């Protein structure tokens, strides 16, 4: 899973995070291991929030890219909010 902070007006990616940054060195999750995937998504939200804070970004628009707001998408959003991002 990826998360990006994009300035649409300027067409620039300000920061990005990838789930492999969190899971590096961990054994792969089994097929259907949704709890582990949701946990990683939550941590990914926290990671993108940290990267946003380093760039002094506090407020963002959450674009789900057409995905429903549940499961891993919801976990990512909750992690980002807990990390300090405002949607």
C-alpha atoms as a PDB file:
ATOM      1  CA  UNK A   1       0.000   0.000   0.000  1.00  0.00           C
ATOM      2  CA  UNK A   2       1.174   3.511  -0.816  1.00  0.00           C
ATOM      3  CA  UNK A   3       0.292   6.907   0.631  1.00  0.00           C
ATOM      4  CA  UNK A   4       1.288  10.193  -0.953  1.00  0.00           C
ATOM      5  CA  UNK A   5       0.957  13.872  -0.163  1.00  0.00           C
ATOM      6  CA  UNK A   6       0.434  15.677  -3.455  1.00  0.00           C
ATOM      7  CA  UNK A   7       0.130  19.372  -4.222  1.00  0.00           C
ATOM      8  CA  UNK A   8      -2.450  19.240  -7.020  1.00  0.00           C
ATOM      9  CA  UNK A   9      -1.988  22.873  -8.001  1.00  0.00           C
ATOM     10  CA  UNK A  10       1.762  22.546  -8.495  1.00  0.00           C
ATOM     11  CA  UNK A  11       1.641  18.913  -9.628  1.00  0.00           C
ATOM     12  CA  UNK A  12       4.272  17.862  -7.074  1.00  0.00           C
ATOM     13  CA  UNK A  13       4.528  14.909  -4.724  1.00  0.00           C
ATOM     14  CA  UNK A  14       5.513  16.390  -1.354  1.00  0.00           C
ATOM     15  CA  UNK A  15       5.980  13.126   0.543  1.00  0.00           C
ATOM     16  CA  UNK A  16       5.265   9.440   0.120  1.00  0.00           C
ATOM     17  CA  UNK A  17       5.259   6.284   2.199  1.00  0.00           C
ATOM     18  CA  UNK A  18       5.137   2.611   1.247  1.00  0.00           C
ATOM     19  CA  UNK A  19       4.125  -0.325   3.425  1.00  0.00           C
ATOM     20  CA  UNK A  20       7.466  -2.032   2.727  1.00  0.00           C
ATOM     21  CA  UNK A  21       9.124   0.727   4.778  1.00  0.00           C
ATOM     22  CA  UNK A  22       7.271  -0.683   7.789  1.00  0.00           C
ATOM     23  CA  UNK A  23       7.542  -4.412   7.038  1.00  0.00           C
ATOM     24  CA  UNK A  24      11.193  -4.551   5.977  1.00  0.00           C
ATOM     25  CA  UNK A  25      12.753  -7.619   7.576  1.00  0.00           C
ATOM     26  CA  UNK A  26       9.438  -9.122   8.723  1.00  0.00           C
ATOM     27  CA  UNK A  27       8.238 -12.464   7.395  1.00  0.00           C
ATOM     28  CA  UNK A  28       5.469 -12.211   4.788  1.00  0.00           C
ATOM     29  CA  UNK A  29       1.896 -12.392   6.032  1.00  0.00           C
ATOM     30  CA  UNK A  30      -0.197 -15.342   4.993  1.00  0.00           C
ATOM     31  CA  UNK A  31      -2.957 -15.041   2.430  1.00  0.00           C
ATOM     32  CA  UNK A  32      -6.061 -13.515   4.001  1.00  0.00           C
ATOM     33  CA  UNK A  33      -4.184 -12.195   7.034  1.00  0.00           C
ATOM     34  CA  UNK A  34      -6.352  -9.062   7.116  1.00  0.00           C
ATOM     35  CA  UNK A  35      -5.561  -8.115  10.723  1.00  0.00           C
ATOM     36  CA  UNK A  36      -1.870  -7.846   9.913  1.00  0.00           C
ATOM     37  CA  UNK A  37      -2.615  -5.843   6.761  1.00  0.00           C
ATOM     38  CA  UNK A  38      -4.873  -3.443   8.661  1.00  0.00           C
ATOM     39  CA  UNK A  39      -2.205  -3.000  11.330  1.00  0.00           C
ATOM     40  CA  UNK A  40       0.403  -2.194   8.686  1.00  0.00           C
ATOM     41  CA  UNK A  41      -2.010   0.255   7.031  1.00  0.00           C
ATOM     42  CA  UNK A  42      -2.571   1.984  10.380  1.00  0.00           C
ATOM     43  CA  UNK A  43       1.199   2.293  10.863  1.00  0.00           C
ATOM     44  CA  UNK A  44       1.534   3.582   7.287  1.00  0.00           C
ATOM     45  CA  UNK A  45      -0.917   6.355   8.154  1.00  0.00           C
ATOM     46  CA  UNK A  46       1.254   7.284  11.116  1.00  0.00           C
ATOM     47  CA  UNK A  47       4.355   7.260   8.921  1.00  0.00           C
ATOM     48  CA  UNK A  48       2.848   9.595   6.313  1.00  0.00           C
ATOM     49  CA  UNK A  49       1.696  11.869   9.147  1.00  0.00           C
ATOM     50  CA  UNK A  50       5.285  12.034  10.449  1.00  0.00           C
ATOM     51  CA  UNK A  51       6.588  12.858   6.997  1.00  0.00           C
ATOM     52  CA  UNK A  52       3.904  15.537   6.654  1.00  0.00           C
ATOM     53  CA  UNK A  53       4.912  17.052  10.002  1.00  0.00           C
ATOM     54  CA  UNK A  54       8.528  17.287   8.840  1.00  0.00           C
ATOM     55  CA  UNK A  55       7.303  19.356   5.878  1.00  0.00           C
ATOM     56  CA  UNK A  56       5.053  21.412   8.198  1.00  0.00           C
ATOM     57  CA  UNK A  57       1.865  20.043   6.607  1.00  0.00           C
ATOM     58  CA  UNK A  58      -1.023  19.724   9.044  1.00  0.00           C
ATOM     59  CA  UNK A  59      -4.145  19.644   6.902  1.00  0.00           C
ATOM     60  CA  UNK A  60      -4.847  17.408   3.894  1.00  0.00           C
ATOM     61  CA  UNK A  61      -7.693  16.150   1.721  1.00  0.00           C
ATOM     62  CA  UNK A  62      -8.065  12.371   1.891  1.00  0.00           C
ATOM     63  CA  UNK A  63      -8.570  11.002  -1.630  1.00  0.00           C
ATOM     64  CA  UNK A  64      -9.464   7.319  -1.489  1.00  0.00           C
ATOM     65  CA  UNK A  65      -8.961   6.896  -5.210  1.00  0.00           C
ATOM     66  CA  UNK A  66     -12.383   5.317  -5.621  1.00  0.00           C
ATOM     67  CA  UNK A  67     -11.898   2.745  -2.855  1.00  0.00           C
ATOM     68  CA  UNK A  68     -14.595   2.325  -0.210  1.00  0.00           C
ATOM     69  CA  UNK A  69     -13.845   3.758   3.231  1.00  0.00           C
ATOM     70  CA  UNK A  70     -13.397   0.522   5.172  1.00  0.00           C
ATOM     71  CA  UNK A  71     -10.727  -2.026   5.948  1.00  0.00           C
ATOM     72  CA  UNK A  72      -7.191  -0.969   5.125  1.00  0.00           C
ATOM     73  CA  UNK A  73      -8.211   2.418   3.694  1.00  0.00           C
ATOM     74  CA  UNK A  74      -9.991   3.258   6.945  1.00  0.00           C
ATOM     75  CA  UNK A  75      -7.024   1.990   9.000  1.00  0.00           C
ATOM     76  CA  UNK A  76      -4.637   4.220   7.028  1.00  0.00           C
ATOM     77  CA  UNK A  77      -6.864   7.258   7.622  1.00  0.00           C
ATOM     78  CA  UNK A  78      -7.170   6.514  11.344  1.00  0.00           C
ATOM     79  CA  UNK A  79      -3.397   6.135  11.665  1.00  0.00           C
ATOM     80  CA  UNK A  80      -2.822   9.430   9.868  1.00  0.00           C
ATOM     81  CA  UNK A  81      -5.335  11.206  12.119  1.00  0.00           C
ATOM     82  CA  UNK A  82      -3.721   9.739  15.214  1.00  0.00           C
ATOM     83  CA  UNK A  83      -0.366  10.948  13.840  1.00  0.00           C
ATOM     84  CA  UNK A  84      -1.697  14.507  13.714  1.00  0.00           C
ATOM     85  CA  UNK A  85      -3.035  15.015  10.188  1.00  0.00           C
ATOM     86  CA  UNK A  86      -6.362  16.795   9.849  1.00  0.00           C
ATOM     87  CA  UNK A  87      -8.694  15.818   7.030  1.00  0.00           C
END
